[in-house]
Amino acid sequence: MSALNIKKGSTSHSAYDLRSGNSEVEESHTLAVIVENEPGVLARVIGLFSGRGYNIDSLTVAEVDHTGHRSRITIVTRGTPAVIDQIEAQLSRMVPVHAVQDLTADGPSVQRELALVKVKGNGDHRIEALRLAEIFRANVVDSTLESFVFEMTGTPEKIDAFADLMRPLGLV
């Protein structure tokens, strides 16, 4: 058996076996993947993840070079260091991929999430929803007589805390 913690009796060196070894802790990693901006590229990258059983916690895609027809796919995923290395290697071998960078390995960074949260807003619940939104610095982007849509940015923990406090008021 290799030093990669391959499952007892297994001759495979796939990511499935790498993930089953519990001696290494899974960590969250943010990967930036520069790809050709053409139809089907995102589906191929996502297919690599789903086909090998990797999870995607977050996904963002944006064009970064209009004249060069390049886009950046930012993927947040979890895995042991060996699994993250394997994901990077597999992404790098894909034809439309120009570069893969593990932003987590580059050191501390600022990460923000954007959330749109729709909440029922009748009577006293309306006042409470606006009060909580002010505390969390959420902006009202849509308002009707029955509901609000709030936009907020922050850490995943801040977004979750806001949603948890709004839940009793009635998330829509």
N, C-alpha and C. Protein backbone atom coordinates (compact mmCIF):
# COMPACT_ATOMS: atom_id res chain seq x y z
N MET A 1 0.83 -1.19 0.00
CA MET A 1 0.00 0.00 0.00
C MET A 1 0.87 1.25 0.00
N SER A 2 0.39 2.29 -0.60
CA SER A 2 1.16 3.53 -0.68
C SER A 2 0.93 4.37 0.57
N ALA A 3 1.67 5.44 0.65
CA ALA A 3 1.55 6.34 1.80
C ALA A 3 0.33 7.25 1.68
N LEU A 4 -0.49 7.06 0.67
CA LEU A 4 -1.65 7.92 0.46
C LEU A 4 -2.88 7.45 1.22
N ASN A 5 -2.74 6.46 2.07
CA ASN A 5 -3.87 5.95 2.84
C ASN A 5 -4.89 5.24 1.95
N ILE A 6 -4.44 4.43 1.05
CA ILE A 6 -5.33 3.67 0.18
C ILE A 6 -6.08 2.66 1.03
N LYS A 7 -7.37 2.50 0.74
CA LYS A 7 -8.21 1.58 1.49
C LYS A 7 -7.61 0.18 1.47
N LYS A 8 -7.66 -0.51 2.60
CA LYS A 8 -7.08 -1.84 2.73
C LYS A 8 -7.63 -2.77 1.66
N GLY A 9 -6.73 -3.42 0.95
CA GLY A 9 -7.11 -4.37 -0.09
C GLY A 9 -7.38 -3.73 -1.43
N SER A 10 -7.34 -2.42 -1.51
CA SER A 10 -7.64 -1.73 -2.76
C SER A 10 -6.37 -1.58 -3.59
N THR A 11 -6.51 -1.75 -4.88
CA THR A 11 -5.39 -1.51 -5.78
C THR A 11 -5.61 -0.22 -6.56
N SER A 12 -6.72 0.43 -6.31
CA SER A 12 -7.06 1.66 -7.01
C SER A 12 -6.33 2.85 -6.41
N HIS A 13 -6.04 3.82 -7.24
CA HIS A 13 -5.45 5.07 -6.78
C HIS A 13 -6.36 6.23 -7.14
N SER A 14 -7.67 5.99 -7.10
CA SER A 14 -8.62 7.04 -7.47
C SER A 14 -8.91 7.93 -6.28
N ALA A 15 -9.57 9.04 -6.56
CA ALA A 15 -9.93 9.99 -5.51
C ALA A 15 -10.90 9.37 -4.52
N TYR A 16 -11.69 8.39 -4.95
CA TYR A 16 -12.62 7.75 -4.03
C TYR A 16 -11.86 7.13 -2.87
N ASP A 17 -10.76 6.46 -3.15
CA ASP A 17 -9.96 5.85 -2.09
C ASP A 17 -9.23 6.92 -1.29
N LEU A 18 -8.80 7.98 -1.95
CA LEU A 18 -8.10 9.04 -1.24
C LEU A 18 -9.03 9.71 -0.23
N ARG A 19 -10.31 9.86 -0.60
CA ARG A 19 -11.25 10.52 0.29
C ARG A 19 -11.62 9.65 1.48
N SER A 20 -11.52 8.34 1.37
CA SER A 20 -11.97 7.48 2.45
C SER A 20 -10.96 7.37 3.58
N GLY A 21 -9.72 7.75 3.37
CA GLY A 21 -8.73 7.74 4.44
C GLY A 21 -9.01 8.89 5.39
N ASN A 22 -9.20 8.60 6.66
CA ASN A 22 -9.58 9.63 7.61
C ASN A 22 -8.41 10.22 8.37
N SER A 23 -7.17 9.90 8.00
CA SER A 23 -6.04 10.43 8.74
C SER A 23 -5.79 11.89 8.40
N GLU A 24 -6.27 12.36 7.25
CA GLU A 24 -6.10 13.76 6.87
C GLU A 24 -7.45 14.46 6.96
N VAL A 25 -7.42 15.69 7.41
CA VAL A 25 -8.64 16.46 7.59
C VAL A 25 -9.04 17.11 6.28
N GLU A 26 -10.33 17.08 5.98
CA GLU A 26 -10.83 17.79 4.81
C GLU A 26 -10.82 19.28 5.10
N GLU A 27 -10.41 20.05 4.10
CA GLU A 27 -10.37 21.50 4.22
C GLU A 27 -11.09 22.11 3.04
N SER A 28 -11.59 23.32 3.23
CA SER A 28 -12.23 24.06 2.15
C SER A 28 -11.14 24.77 1.34
N HIS A 29 -11.22 24.67 0.02
CA HIS A 29 -10.26 25.32 -0.87
C HIS A 29 -11.01 26.09 -1.95
N THR A 30 -10.48 27.25 -2.30
CA THR A 30 -11.03 28.05 -3.38
C THR A 30 -10.08 27.95 -4.57
N LEU A 31 -10.61 27.43 -5.68
CA LEU A 31 -9.82 27.24 -6.89
C LEU A 31 -10.27 28.24 -7.96
N ALA A 32 -9.33 28.92 -8.58
CA ALA A 32 -9.62 29.80 -9.71
C ALA A 32 -9.14 29.10 -10.97
N VAL A 33 -10.05 28.89 -11.91
CA VAL A 33 -9.74 28.15 -13.13
C VAL A 33 -9.98 29.08 -14.32
N ILE A 34 -8.92 29.38 -15.07
CA ILE A 34 -9.04 30.22 -16.26
C ILE A 34 -9.28 29.30 -17.45
N VAL A 35 -10.40 29.56 -18.17
CA VAL A 35 -10.81 28.69 -19.27
C VAL A 35 -11.15 29.52 -20.50
N GLU A 36 -11.24 28.83 -21.64
CA GLU A 36 -11.76 29.46 -22.85
C GLU A 36 -13.24 29.78 -22.61
N ASN A 37 -13.66 30.95 -23.04
CA ASN A 37 -15.07 31.33 -22.91
C ASN A 37 -15.82 30.82 -24.13
N GLU A 38 -16.23 29.57 -24.05
CA GLU A 38 -16.95 28.95 -25.17
C GLU A 38 -18.02 28.01 -24.61
N PRO A 39 -19.04 27.72 -25.41
CA PRO A 39 -20.12 26.85 -24.94
C PRO A 39 -19.62 25.47 -24.51
N GLY A 40 -20.17 24.99 -23.40
CA GLY A 40 -19.87 23.64 -22.94
C GLY A 40 -18.72 23.51 -21.97
N VAL A 41 -17.90 24.56 -21.81
CA VAL A 41 -16.73 24.45 -20.94
C VAL A 41 -17.15 24.28 -19.48
N LEU A 42 -18.10 25.09 -19.03
CA LEU A 42 -18.56 24.97 -17.65
C LEU A 42 -19.13 23.58 -17.40
N ALA A 43 -19.91 23.07 -18.33
CA ALA A 43 -20.49 21.73 -18.17
C ALA A 43 -19.39 20.67 -18.06
N ARG A 44 -18.32 20.83 -18.81
CA ARG A 44 -17.21 19.85 -18.73
C ARG A 44 -16.51 19.92 -17.39
N VAL A 45 -16.30 21.13 -16.88
CA VAL A 45 -15.64 21.28 -15.57
C VAL A 45 -16.54 20.69 -14.48
N ILE A 46 -17.82 21.00 -14.52
CA ILE A 46 -18.76 20.46 -13.53
C ILE A 46 -18.85 18.95 -13.68
N GLY A 47 -18.80 18.45 -14.90
CA GLY A 47 -18.82 17.01 -15.14
C GLY A 47 -17.64 16.30 -14.49
N LEU A 48 -16.49 16.96 -14.50
CA LEU A 48 -15.32 16.38 -13.84
C LEU A 48 -15.60 16.20 -12.35
N PHE A 49 -16.19 17.19 -11.73
CA PHE A 49 -16.51 17.11 -10.30
C PHE A 49 -17.56 16.04 -10.02
N SER A 50 -18.65 16.08 -10.75
CA SER A 50 -19.73 15.12 -10.47
C SER A 50 -19.33 13.70 -10.82
N GLY A 51 -18.56 13.52 -11.87
CA GLY A 51 -18.15 12.18 -12.27
C GLY A 51 -17.22 11.51 -11.29
N ARG A 52 -16.53 12.29 -10.50
CA ARG A 52 -15.59 11.73 -9.53
C ARG A 52 -16.07 11.85 -8.09
N GLY A 53 -17.28 12.36 -7.93
CA GLY A 53 -17.87 12.43 -6.59
C GLY A 53 -17.37 13.58 -5.74
N TYR A 54 -16.79 14.61 -6.36
CA TYR A 54 -16.36 15.78 -5.61
C TYR A 54 -17.56 16.70 -5.42
N ASN A 55 -17.60 17.39 -4.30
CA ASN A 55 -18.69 18.32 -4.05
C ASN A 55 -18.24 19.74 -4.37
N ILE A 56 -19.17 20.55 -4.83
CA ILE A 56 -18.92 21.98 -5.06
C ILE A 56 -19.75 22.74 -4.05
N ASP A 57 -19.08 23.49 -3.17
CA ASP A 57 -19.78 24.29 -2.17
C ASP A 57 -20.25 25.61 -2.75
N SER A 58 -19.49 26.16 -3.69
CA SER A 58 -19.82 27.44 -4.29
C SER A 58 -19.22 27.50 -5.69
N LEU A 59 -19.90 28.22 -6.58
CA LEU A 59 -19.46 28.30 -7.97
C LEU A 59 -19.79 29.68 -8.52
N THR A 60 -18.81 30.32 -9.13
CA THR A 60 -19.00 31.62 -9.77
C THR A 60 -18.25 31.60 -11.09
N VAL A 61 -18.86 32.19 -12.11
CA VAL A 61 -18.22 32.27 -13.42
C VAL A 61 -18.34 33.70 -13.94
N ALA A 62 -17.23 34.24 -14.46
CA ALA A 62 -17.25 35.58 -15.02
C ALA A 62 -16.20 35.69 -16.12
N GLU A 63 -16.54 36.45 -17.16
CA GLU A 63 -15.57 36.71 -18.22
C GLU A 63 -14.50 37.66 -17.67
N VAL A 64 -13.24 37.33 -17.91
CA VAL A 64 -12.14 38.17 -17.41
C VAL A 64 -11.34 38.82 -18.52
N ASP A 65 -11.47 38.32 -19.74
CA ASP A 65 -10.73 38.87 -20.87
C ASP A 65 -11.61 38.75 -22.11
N HIS A 66 -12.32 39.84 -22.42
CA HIS A 66 -13.26 39.81 -23.54
C HIS A 66 -12.56 39.56 -24.88
N THR A 67 -11.43 40.24 -25.10
CA THR A 67 -10.74 40.08 -26.39
C THR A 67 -10.08 38.71 -26.50
N GLY A 68 -9.61 38.17 -25.39
CA GLY A 68 -8.98 36.85 -25.40
C GLY A 68 -9.95 35.71 -25.19
N HIS A 69 -11.24 36.05 -25.01
CA HIS A 69 -12.30 35.04 -24.82
C HIS A 69 -11.97 34.09 -23.67
N ARG A 70 -11.64 34.66 -22.52
CA ARG A 70 -11.31 33.85 -21.35
C ARG A 70 -12.27 34.17 -20.21
N SER A 71 -12.58 33.16 -19.43
CA SER A 71 -13.42 33.30 -18.25
C SER A 71 -12.73 32.68 -17.04
N ARG A 72 -13.13 33.14 -15.87
CA ARG A 72 -12.63 32.55 -14.62
C ARG A 72 -13.79 31.81 -13.96
N ILE A 73 -13.56 30.54 -13.67
CA ILE A 73 -14.51 29.76 -12.88
C ILE A 73 -13.91 29.67 -11.48
N THR A 74 -14.62 30.21 -10.51
CA THR A 74 -14.16 30.14 -9.12
C THR A 74 -14.99 29.08 -8.42
N ILE A 75 -14.31 28.06 -7.91
CA ILE A 75 -14.96 26.91 -7.30
C ILE A 75 -14.48 26.77 -5.86
N VAL A 76 -15.42 26.65 -4.94
CA VAL A 76 -15.08 26.32 -3.55
C VAL A 76 -15.45 24.86 -3.35
N THR A 77 -14.48 24.06 -2.95
CA THR A 77 -14.69 22.63 -2.75
C THR A 77 -13.99 22.19 -1.47
N ARG A 78 -14.28 20.98 -1.04
CA ARG A 78 -13.66 20.45 0.18
C ARG A 78 -12.95 19.15 -0.13
N GLY A 79 -11.85 18.92 0.59
CA GLY A 79 -11.13 17.66 0.42
C GLY A 79 -9.84 17.66 1.21
N THR A 80 -9.25 16.48 1.29
CA THR A 80 -7.93 16.36 1.91
C THR A 80 -6.92 17.00 0.96
N PRO A 81 -5.72 17.29 1.43
CA PRO A 81 -4.71 17.84 0.52
C PRO A 81 -4.48 16.97 -0.71
N ALA A 82 -4.52 15.64 -0.55
CA ALA A 82 -4.31 14.75 -1.70
C ALA A 82 -5.45 14.88 -2.71
N VAL A 83 -6.67 15.00 -2.23
CA VAL A 83 -7.82 15.14 -3.13
C VAL A 83 -7.76 16.49 -3.85
N ILE A 84 -7.43 17.55 -3.13
CA ILE A 84 -7.33 18.88 -3.76
C ILE A 84 -6.24 18.86 -4.83
N ASP A 85 -5.11 18.23 -4.55
CA ASP A 85 -4.05 18.10 -5.55
C ASP A 85 -4.55 17.35 -6.78
N GLN A 86 -5.33 16.30 -6.56
CA GLN A 86 -5.86 15.52 -7.68
C GLN A 86 -6.85 16.34 -8.50
N ILE A 87 -7.70 17.10 -7.83
CA ILE A 87 -8.65 17.96 -8.54
C ILE A 87 -7.89 18.96 -9.40
N GLU A 88 -6.87 19.60 -8.83
CA GLU A 88 -6.07 20.57 -9.59
C GLU A 88 -5.43 19.92 -10.81
N ALA A 89 -4.86 18.74 -10.62
CA ALA A 89 -4.20 18.04 -11.73
C ALA A 89 -5.19 17.68 -12.82
N GLN A 90 -6.36 17.19 -12.44
CA GLN A 90 -7.36 16.81 -13.44
C GLN A 90 -7.90 18.02 -14.18
N LEU A 91 -8.11 19.13 -13.47
CA LEU A 91 -8.56 20.35 -14.13
C LEU A 91 -7.49 20.85 -15.10
N SER A 92 -6.23 20.80 -14.70
CA SER A 92 -5.14 21.29 -15.54
C SER A 92 -5.02 20.52 -16.85
N ARG A 93 -5.42 19.25 -16.83
CA ARG A 93 -5.31 18.42 -18.04
C ARG A 93 -6.46 18.65 -19.03
N MET A 94 -7.50 19.36 -18.61
CA MET A 94 -8.62 19.60 -19.51
C MET A 94 -8.20 20.57 -20.61
N VAL A 95 -8.65 20.32 -21.83
CA VAL A 95 -8.22 21.10 -22.99
C VAL A 95 -8.57 22.58 -22.90
N PRO A 96 -9.78 23.00 -22.53
CA PRO A 96 -10.05 24.44 -22.53
C PRO A 96 -9.51 25.18 -21.31
N VAL A 97 -8.81 24.48 -20.40
CA VAL A 97 -8.29 25.11 -19.18
C VAL A 97 -6.90 25.67 -19.44
N HIS A 98 -6.71 26.95 -19.11
CA HIS A 98 -5.41 27.60 -19.29
C HIS A 98 -4.60 27.62 -18.00
N ALA A 99 -5.28 27.74 -16.86
CA ALA A 99 -4.56 27.81 -15.58
C ALA A 99 -5.49 27.41 -14.44
N VAL A 100 -4.90 26.80 -13.42
CA VAL A 100 -5.62 26.46 -12.19
C VAL A 100 -4.79 26.99 -11.03
N GLN A 101 -5.43 27.74 -10.15
CA GLN A 101 -4.72 28.31 -9.01
C GLN A 101 -5.53 28.04 -7.74
N ASP A 102 -4.87 27.48 -6.73
CA ASP A 102 -5.50 27.27 -5.43
C ASP A 102 -5.32 28.56 -4.63
N LEU A 103 -6.36 29.37 -4.57
CA LEU A 103 -6.27 30.66 -3.88
C LEU A 103 -6.09 30.48 -2.38
N THR A 104 -6.56 29.38 -1.84
CA THR A 104 -6.40 29.11 -0.41
C THR A 104 -4.93 28.91 -0.07
N ALA A 105 -4.20 28.25 -0.95
CA ALA A 105 -2.77 27.99 -0.71
C ALA A 105 -1.94 29.27 -0.79
N ASP A 106 -2.49 30.30 -1.44
CA ASP A 106 -1.76 31.57 -1.59
C ASP A 106 -1.76 32.40 -0.31
N GLY A 107 -2.48 31.98 0.70
CA GLY A 107 -2.50 32.70 1.97
C GLY A 107 -3.86 33.33 2.25
N PRO A 108 -3.93 34.14 3.30
CA PRO A 108 -5.20 34.75 3.71
C PRO A 108 -5.82 35.57 2.59
N SER A 109 -7.15 35.54 2.52
CA SER A 109 -7.85 36.30 1.50
C SER A 109 -9.19 36.77 2.07
N VAL A 110 -9.79 37.70 1.38
CA VAL A 110 -11.11 38.18 1.75
C VAL A 110 -12.12 37.43 0.90
N GLN A 111 -13.07 36.80 1.56
CA GLN A 111 -14.11 36.07 0.84
C GLN A 111 -15.46 36.60 1.27
N ARG A 112 -16.33 36.83 0.30
CA ARG A 112 -17.67 37.35 0.57
C ARG A 112 -18.68 36.54 -0.22
N GLU A 113 -19.86 36.41 0.34
CA GLU A 113 -20.97 35.80 -0.36
C GLU A 113 -22.04 36.86 -0.56
N LEU A 114 -22.83 36.67 -1.60
CA LEU A 114 -23.96 37.54 -1.88
C LEU A 114 -25.21 36.71 -1.73
N ALA A 115 -26.21 37.24 -1.02
CA ALA A 115 -27.46 36.52 -0.85
C ALA A 115 -28.64 37.45 -1.12
N LEU A 116 -29.66 36.90 -1.75
CA LEU A 116 -30.95 37.56 -1.87
C LEU A 116 -31.90 36.75 -1.00
N VAL A 117 -32.52 37.41 -0.02
CA VAL A 117 -33.38 36.73 0.94
C VAL A 117 -34.77 37.36 0.87
N LYS A 118 -35.78 36.55 0.52
CA LYS A 118 -37.15 37.04 0.45
C LYS A 118 -37.88 36.65 1.73
N VAL A 119 -38.48 37.66 2.37
CA VAL A 119 -39.12 37.47 3.67
C VAL A 119 -40.54 38.02 3.61
N LYS A 120 -41.48 37.30 4.23
CA LYS A 120 -42.84 37.82 4.36
C LYS A 120 -42.78 39.08 5.20
N GLY A 121 -43.60 40.05 4.87
CA GLY A 121 -43.55 41.31 5.60
C GLY A 121 -44.93 41.87 5.86
N ASN A 122 -45.66 41.30 6.83
CA ASN A 122 -46.98 41.79 7.21
C ASN A 122 -46.96 42.25 8.66
N GLY A 123 -47.62 43.36 8.96
CA GLY A 123 -47.78 43.83 10.33
C GLY A 123 -46.48 44.01 11.07
N ASP A 124 -46.44 43.46 12.30
CA ASP A 124 -45.24 43.58 13.14
C ASP A 124 -44.04 42.89 12.53
N HIS A 125 -44.29 41.84 11.75
CA HIS A 125 -43.18 41.13 11.09
C HIS A 125 -42.46 42.05 10.12
N ARG A 126 -43.20 42.98 9.52
CA ARG A 126 -42.61 43.92 8.58
C ARG A 126 -41.58 44.81 9.29
N ILE A 127 -41.96 45.32 10.44
CA ILE A 127 -41.06 46.18 11.21
C ILE A 127 -39.85 45.39 11.69
N GLU A 128 -40.08 44.16 12.16
CA GLU A 128 -38.98 43.32 12.65
C GLU A 128 -38.01 42.98 11.52
N ALA A 129 -38.55 42.68 10.34
CA ALA A 129 -37.69 42.35 9.19
C ALA A 129 -36.80 43.54 8.83
N LEU A 130 -37.36 44.73 8.83
CA LEU A 130 -36.58 45.93 8.51
C LEU A 130 -35.53 46.21 9.59
N ARG A 131 -35.89 45.97 10.86
CA ARG A 131 -34.95 46.19 11.96
C ARG A 131 -33.75 45.23 11.84
N LEU A 132 -34.04 43.95 11.58
CA LEU A 132 -32.96 42.97 11.43
C LEU A 132 -32.09 43.28 10.21
N ALA A 133 -32.74 43.70 9.13
CA ALA A 133 -31.99 44.05 7.92
C ALA A 133 -31.02 45.20 8.19
N GLU A 134 -31.47 46.17 8.96
CA GLU A 134 -30.59 47.30 9.29
C GLU A 134 -29.39 46.84 10.11
N ILE A 135 -29.62 45.95 11.07
CA ILE A 135 -28.53 45.43 11.90
C ILE A 135 -27.48 44.72 11.04
N PHE A 136 -27.95 43.95 10.05
CA PHE A 136 -27.05 43.17 9.19
C PHE A 136 -26.58 43.95 7.96
N ARG A 137 -27.00 45.21 7.86
CA ARG A 137 -26.66 46.06 6.71
C ARG A 137 -27.12 45.46 5.39
N ALA A 138 -28.30 44.86 5.44
CA ALA A 138 -28.91 44.32 4.22
C ALA A 138 -29.72 45.43 3.55
N ASN A 139 -29.71 45.45 2.24
CA ASN A 139 -30.44 46.46 1.48
C ASN A 139 -31.74 45.89 0.96
N VAL A 140 -32.79 46.70 0.97
CA VAL A 140 -34.06 46.30 0.38
C VAL A 140 -33.94 46.51 -1.13
N VAL A 141 -34.09 45.43 -1.90
CA VAL A 141 -34.02 45.55 -3.36
C VAL A 141 -35.39 45.41 -4.00
N ASP A 142 -36.37 44.91 -3.23
CA ASP A 142 -37.74 44.82 -3.71
C ASP A 142 -38.66 44.80 -2.51
N SER A 143 -39.78 45.50 -2.64
CA SER A 143 -40.73 45.57 -1.54
C SER A 143 -42.15 45.56 -2.10
N THR A 144 -42.98 44.71 -1.51
CA THR A 144 -44.41 44.69 -1.83
C THR A 144 -45.16 44.82 -0.51
N LEU A 145 -46.48 44.81 -0.56
CA LEU A 145 -47.26 44.86 0.67
C LEU A 145 -47.11 43.58 1.48
N GLU A 146 -46.72 42.48 0.83
CA GLU A 146 -46.63 41.19 1.52
C GLU A 146 -45.21 40.71 1.81
N SER A 147 -44.20 41.32 1.16
CA SER A 147 -42.85 40.77 1.33
C SER A 147 -41.77 41.80 1.02
N PHE A 148 -40.56 41.41 1.42
CA PHE A 148 -39.34 42.15 1.09
C PHE A 148 -38.35 41.19 0.45
N VAL A 149 -37.50 41.73 -0.41
CA VAL A 149 -36.31 41.00 -0.86
C VAL A 149 -35.12 41.82 -0.40
N PHE A 150 -34.28 41.18 0.42
CA PHE A 150 -33.09 41.83 0.94
C PHE A 150 -31.87 41.30 0.22
N GLU A 151 -30.92 42.20 -0.03
CA GLU A 151 -29.63 41.84 -0.60
C GLU A 151 -28.58 42.10 0.47
N MET A 152 -27.73 41.10 0.69
CA MET A 152 -26.66 41.32 1.65
C MET A 152 -25.41 40.57 1.24
N THR A 153 -24.28 41.09 1.68
CA THR A 153 -23.01 40.42 1.45
C THR A 153 -22.33 40.21 2.79
N GLY A 154 -21.50 39.19 2.84
CA GLY A 154 -20.77 38.92 4.06
C GLY A 154 -20.21 37.52 4.05
N THR A 155 -19.72 37.12 5.20
CA THR A 155 -19.19 35.76 5.34
C THR A 155 -20.35 34.77 5.31
N PRO A 156 -20.07 33.52 4.99
CA PRO A 156 -21.15 32.52 5.02
C PRO A 156 -21.84 32.47 6.38
N GLU A 157 -21.09 32.66 7.45
CA GLU A 157 -21.68 32.63 8.80
C GLU A 157 -22.66 33.80 8.99
N LYS A 158 -22.31 34.98 8.47
CA LYS A 158 -23.19 36.14 8.60
C LYS A 158 -24.47 35.92 7.79
N ILE A 159 -24.33 35.40 6.59
CA ILE A 159 -25.50 35.13 5.75
C ILE A 159 -26.41 34.11 6.44
N ASP A 160 -25.83 33.05 6.97
CA ASP A 160 -26.62 32.02 7.66
C ASP A 160 -27.31 32.59 8.89
N ALA A 161 -26.63 33.43 9.65
CA ALA A 161 -27.22 34.03 10.85
C ALA A 161 -28.42 34.91 10.46
N PHE A 162 -28.27 35.68 9.39
CA PHE A 162 -29.37 36.53 8.91
C PHE A 162 -30.57 35.67 8.51
N ALA A 163 -30.33 34.63 7.74
CA ALA A 163 -31.42 33.74 7.31
C ALA A 163 -32.08 33.06 8.51
N ASP A 164 -31.27 32.64 9.48
CA ASP A 164 -31.82 31.99 10.68
C ASP A 164 -32.74 32.93 11.46
N LEU A 165 -32.36 34.21 11.56
CA LEU A 165 -33.19 35.17 12.28
C LEU A 165 -34.44 35.55 11.49
N MET A 166 -34.36 35.51 10.16
CA MET A 166 -35.52 35.83 9.33
C MET A 166 -36.49 34.66 9.19
N ARG A 167 -36.01 33.46 9.39
CA ARG A 167 -36.83 32.26 9.20
C ARG A 167 -38.15 32.30 9.99
N PRO A 168 -38.14 32.68 11.28
CA PRO A 168 -39.42 32.73 12.02
C PRO A 168 -40.41 33.76 11.45
N LEU A 169 -39.91 34.76 10.74
CA LEU A 169 -40.79 35.75 10.14
C LEU A 169 -41.44 35.22 8.87
N GLY A 170 -40.83 34.20 8.28
CA GLY A 170 -41.39 33.57 7.09
C GLY A 170 -40.56 33.82 5.84
N LEU A 171 -39.59 32.95 5.60
CA LEU A 171 -38.84 33.02 4.34
C LEU A 171 -39.74 32.54 3.21
N VAL A 172 -39.63 33.21 2.08
CA VAL A 172 -40.47 32.83 0.93
C VAL A 172 -39.61 32.12 -0.08
